[in-house]
Amino acid sequence: MNDSYVSLTTFRKDGTPVATPVWFATADNHDVVIRTAPDAGKVKRIRNNPRVTLTPCDVRGRLRPAAPTVEATARLLDRGSDEERAAARLLAAKYWMVRITDLVRRNRPSLVITATPV
């Protein structure tokens, strides 16, 4: 995926899909890396059900024409782990704005999600 945004779809307990446009980076092992606030709804939904879908989209979440949807399994990375720091570096390398938001949000925790295509 070479786009700037991907629509991350998580699922509520009743199976209702919830799509959110997010910044992402792709790791060498093809995992998709996303960072968010630990109290975000998507984090709660992933804790209940790790199944997600990923579809290229624009900043408003409009899906790209004929864009493929990838089924994936998400997992939350431990804060401060080597894996979490590596994922944060991938995002910072792709988006210069991540470095600015990191400075502004220095004391606000964030959580990294990796989604492995199935």
C-alpha atoms as a PDB file:
ATOM      1  CA  MET A   1       0.000   0.000   0.000  1.00  0.00           C
ATOM      2  CA  ASN A   2       1.578   3.235  -1.162  1.00  0.00           C
ATOM      3  CA  ASP A   3      -1.210   5.583  -0.089  1.00  0.00           C
ATOM      4  CA  SER A   4      -0.997   8.048   2.792  1.00  0.00           C
ATOM      5  CA  TYR A   5      -4.112   6.764   4.538  1.00  0.00           C
ATOM      6  CA  VAL A   6      -5.717   3.429   5.087  1.00  0.00           C
ATOM      7  CA  SER A   7      -9.231   2.777   6.318  1.00  0.00           C
ATOM      8  CA  LEU A   8      -8.857   0.604   9.401  1.00  0.00           C
ATOM      9  CA  THR A   9     -12.093  -1.248  10.034  1.00  0.00           C
ATOM     10  CA  THR A  10     -12.573  -2.727  13.477  1.00  0.00           C
ATOM     11  CA  PHE A  11     -15.643  -4.582  14.701  1.00  0.00           C
ATOM     12  CA  ARG A  12     -17.931  -3.968  17.658  1.00  0.00           C
ATOM     13  CA  LYS A  13     -19.048  -6.873  19.859  1.00  0.00           C
ATOM     14  CA  ASP A  14     -22.251  -7.172  17.809  1.00  0.00           C
ATOM     15  CA  GLY A  15     -20.212  -7.361  14.568  1.00  0.00           C
ATOM     16  CA  THR A  16     -20.943  -3.804  13.388  1.00  0.00           C
ATOM     17  CA  PRO A  17     -17.944  -2.504  11.387  1.00  0.00           C
ATOM     18  CA  VAL A  18     -16.371   0.833  12.344  1.00  0.00           C
ATOM     19  CA  ALA A  19     -14.027   2.352   9.746  1.00  0.00           C
ATOM     20  CA  THR A  20     -11.425   4.987  10.645  1.00  0.00           C
ATOM     21  CA  PRO A  21      -8.915   6.628   8.264  1.00  0.00           C
ATOM     22  CA  VAL A  22      -5.424   6.426   9.787  1.00  0.00           C
ATOM     23  CA  TRP A  23      -1.802   7.025   8.897  1.00  0.00           C
ATOM     24  CA  PHE A  24       0.126   3.801   8.487  1.00  0.00           C
ATOM     25  CA  ALA A  25       3.514   2.389   7.599  1.00  0.00           C
ATOM     26  CA  THR A  26       4.402  -1.041   6.279  1.00  0.00           C
ATOM     27  CA  ALA A  27       7.140  -3.050   7.974  1.00  0.00           C
ATOM     28  CA  ASP A  28       9.582  -5.326   6.144  1.00  0.00           C
ATOM     29  CA  ASN A  29       7.532  -8.362   7.203  1.00  0.00           C
ATOM     30  CA  HIS A  30       4.427  -6.776   5.578  1.00  0.00           C
ATOM     31  CA  ASP A  31       2.814  -5.893   8.910  1.00  0.00           C
ATOM     32  CA  VAL A  32       0.900  -2.630   8.798  1.00  0.00           C
ATOM     33  CA  VAL A  33       1.788  -0.265  11.654  1.00  0.00           C
ATOM     34  CA  ILE A  34      -0.689   2.263  13.086  1.00  0.00           C
ATOM     35  CA  ARG A  35      -0.387   4.476  16.152  1.00  0.00           C
ATOM     36  CA  THR A  36      -3.263   5.814  18.214  1.00  0.00           C
ATOM     37  CA  ALA A  37      -4.266   6.971  21.684  1.00  0.00           C
ATOM     38  CA  PRO A  38      -4.622   4.116  24.174  1.00  0.00           C
ATOM     39  CA  ASP A  39      -8.180   5.185  25.017  1.00  0.00           C
ATOM     40  CA  ALA A  40      -9.343   5.279  21.371  1.00  0.00           C
ATOM     41  CA  GLY A  41     -12.412   3.237  20.475  1.00  0.00           C
ATOM     42  CA  LYS A  42     -10.447   1.188  17.953  1.00  0.00           C
ATOM     43  CA  VAL A  43      -8.168  -0.032  20.739  1.00  0.00           C
ATOM     44  CA  LYS A  44     -11.125  -1.245  22.806  1.00  0.00           C
ATOM     45  CA  ARG A  45     -12.617  -2.975  19.772  1.00  0.00           C
ATOM     46  CA  ILE A  46      -9.291  -4.671  18.905  1.00  0.00           C
ATOM     47  CA  ARG A  47      -8.990  -5.933  22.481  1.00  0.00           C
ATOM     48  CA  ASN A  48     -12.422  -7.567  22.060  1.00  0.00           C
ATOM     49  CA  ASN A  49     -11.874  -8.787  18.488  1.00  0.00           C
ATOM     50  CA  PRO A  50      -8.473  -8.634  16.727  1.00  0.00           C
ATOM     51  CA  ARG A  51     -10.013  -9.085  13.255  1.00  0.00           C
ATOM     52  CA  VAL A  52      -9.603  -5.934  11.124  1.00  0.00           C
ATOM     53  CA  THR A  53      -9.695  -4.956   7.474  1.00  0.00           C
ATOM     54  CA  LEU A  54      -7.472  -2.424   5.718  1.00  0.00           C
ATOM     55  CA  THR A  55      -8.420  -0.520   2.558  1.00  0.00           C
ATOM     56  CA  PRO A  56      -6.559   2.410   0.939  1.00  0.00           C
ATOM     57  CA  CYS A  57      -8.534   5.632   1.364  1.00  0.00           C
ATOM     58  CA  ASP A  58      -8.250   9.422   1.458  1.00  0.00           C
ATOM     59  CA  VAL A  59      -8.040  11.638   4.558  1.00  0.00           C
ATOM     60  CA  ARG A  60     -11.844  11.607   4.897  1.00  0.00           C
ATOM     61  CA  GLY A  61     -12.060   7.840   4.735  1.00  0.00           C
ATOM     62  CA  ARG A  62     -13.411   7.635   1.182  1.00  0.00           C
ATOM     63  CA  LEU A  63     -12.168   4.357  -0.245  1.00  0.00           C
ATOM     64  CA  ARG A  64      -9.993   4.458  -3.356  1.00  0.00           C
ATOM     65  CA  PRO A  65     -11.776   3.213  -6.512  1.00  0.00           C
ATOM     66  CA  ALA A  66     -11.126  -0.495  -7.033  1.00  0.00           C
ATOM     67  CA  ALA A  67      -8.912  -0.537  -3.933  1.00  0.00           C
ATOM     68  CA  PRO A  68      -8.267  -3.978  -2.489  1.00  0.00           C
ATOM     69  CA  THR A  69      -9.402  -4.746   1.044  1.00  0.00           C
ATOM     70  CA  VAL A  70      -7.000  -6.804   3.111  1.00  0.00           C
ATOM     71  CA  GLU A  71      -8.185  -8.985   5.998  1.00  0.00           C
ATOM     72  CA  ALA A  72      -5.769  -8.823   8.925  1.00  0.00           C
ATOM     73  CA  THR A  73      -5.297  -9.686  12.567  1.00  0.00           C
ATOM     74  CA  ALA A  74      -4.348  -6.762  14.812  1.00  0.00           C
ATOM     75  CA  ARG A  75      -2.359  -6.796  17.994  1.00  0.00           C
ATOM     76  CA  LEU A  76      -1.382  -4.061  20.411  1.00  0.00           C
ATOM     77  CA  LEU A  77       2.332  -3.614  21.042  1.00  0.00           C
ATOM     78  CA  ASP A  78       3.680  -3.113  24.551  1.00  0.00           C
ATOM     79  CA  ARG A  79       4.551   0.510  25.309  1.00  0.00           C
ATOM     80  CA  GLY A  80       8.306   1.014  25.395  1.00  0.00           C
ATOM     81  CA  SER A  81       9.143  -2.333  23.786  1.00  0.00           C
ATOM     82  CA  ASP A  82      11.762  -2.580  21.060  1.00  0.00           C
ATOM     83  CA  GLU A  83       9.029  -3.580  18.636  1.00  0.00           C
ATOM     84  CA  GLU A  84       6.960  -0.506  19.535  1.00  0.00           C
ATOM     85  CA  ARG A  85       9.939   1.835  19.107  1.00  0.00           C
ATOM     86  CA  ALA A  86      10.766   0.300  15.706  1.00  0.00           C
ATOM     87  CA  ALA A  87       7.156   0.757  14.597  1.00  0.00           C
ATOM     88  CA  ALA A  88       7.164   4.392  15.761  1.00  0.00           C
ATOM     89  CA  ARG A  89      10.345   4.982  13.736  1.00  0.00           C
ATOM     90  CA  LEU A  90       8.646   3.593  10.617  1.00  0.00           C
ATOM     91  CA  LEU A  91       5.769   6.038  11.016  1.00  0.00           C
ATOM     92  CA  ALA A  92       8.112   8.971  11.693  1.00  0.00           C
ATOM     93  CA  ALA A  93      10.121   8.113   8.569  1.00  0.00           C
ATOM     94  CA  LYS A  94       6.993   8.141   6.399  1.00  0.00           C
ATOM     95  CA  TYR A  95       5.220  11.187   7.875  1.00  0.00           C
ATOM     96  CA  TRP A  96       7.166  14.271   8.911  1.00  0.00           C
ATOM     97  CA  MET A  97       4.095  15.443  10.865  1.00  0.00           C
ATOM     98  CA  VAL A  98       4.543  12.511  13.254  1.00  0.00           C
ATOM     99  CA  ARG A  99       7.745  14.093  14.535  1.00  0.00           C
ATOM    100  CA  ILE A 100       5.922  17.369  15.225  1.00  0.00           C
ATOM    101  CA  THR A 101       2.994  15.680  16.958  1.00  0.00           C
ATOM    102  CA  ASP A 102       5.485  13.691  19.047  1.00  0.00           C
ATOM    103  CA  LEU A 103       6.979  16.956  20.298  1.00  0.00           C
ATOM    104  CA  VAL A 104       3.564  18.430  21.079  1.00  0.00           C
ATOM    105  CA  ARG A 105       2.262  15.241  22.685  1.00  0.00           C
ATOM    106  CA  ARG A 106       5.463  14.414  24.507  1.00  0.00           C
ATOM    107  CA  ASN A 107       3.681  13.418  27.710  1.00  0.00           C
ATOM    108  CA  ARG A 108       0.604  11.825  26.105  1.00  0.00           C
ATOM    109  CA  PRO A 109       0.872   8.084  25.706  1.00  0.00           C
ATOM    110  CA  SER A 110       0.241   6.427  22.381  1.00  0.00           C
ATOM    111  CA  LEU A 111      -0.319   2.837  21.448  1.00  0.00           C
ATOM    112  CA  VAL A 112       1.006   1.062  18.391  1.00  0.00           C
ATOM    113  CA  ILE A 113      -1.146  -1.448  16.554  1.00  0.00           C
ATOM    114  CA  THR A 114       0.271  -3.907  14.061  1.00  0.00           C
ATOM    115  CA  ALA A 115      -1.999  -5.650  11.630  1.00  0.00           C
ATOM    116  CA  THR A 116      -0.731  -8.832  10.012  1.00  0.00           C
ATOM    117  CA  PRO A 117      -2.495  -9.784   6.752  1.00  0.00           C
ATOM    118  CA  VAL A 118      -4.077 -13.216   6.854  1.00  0.00           C
END
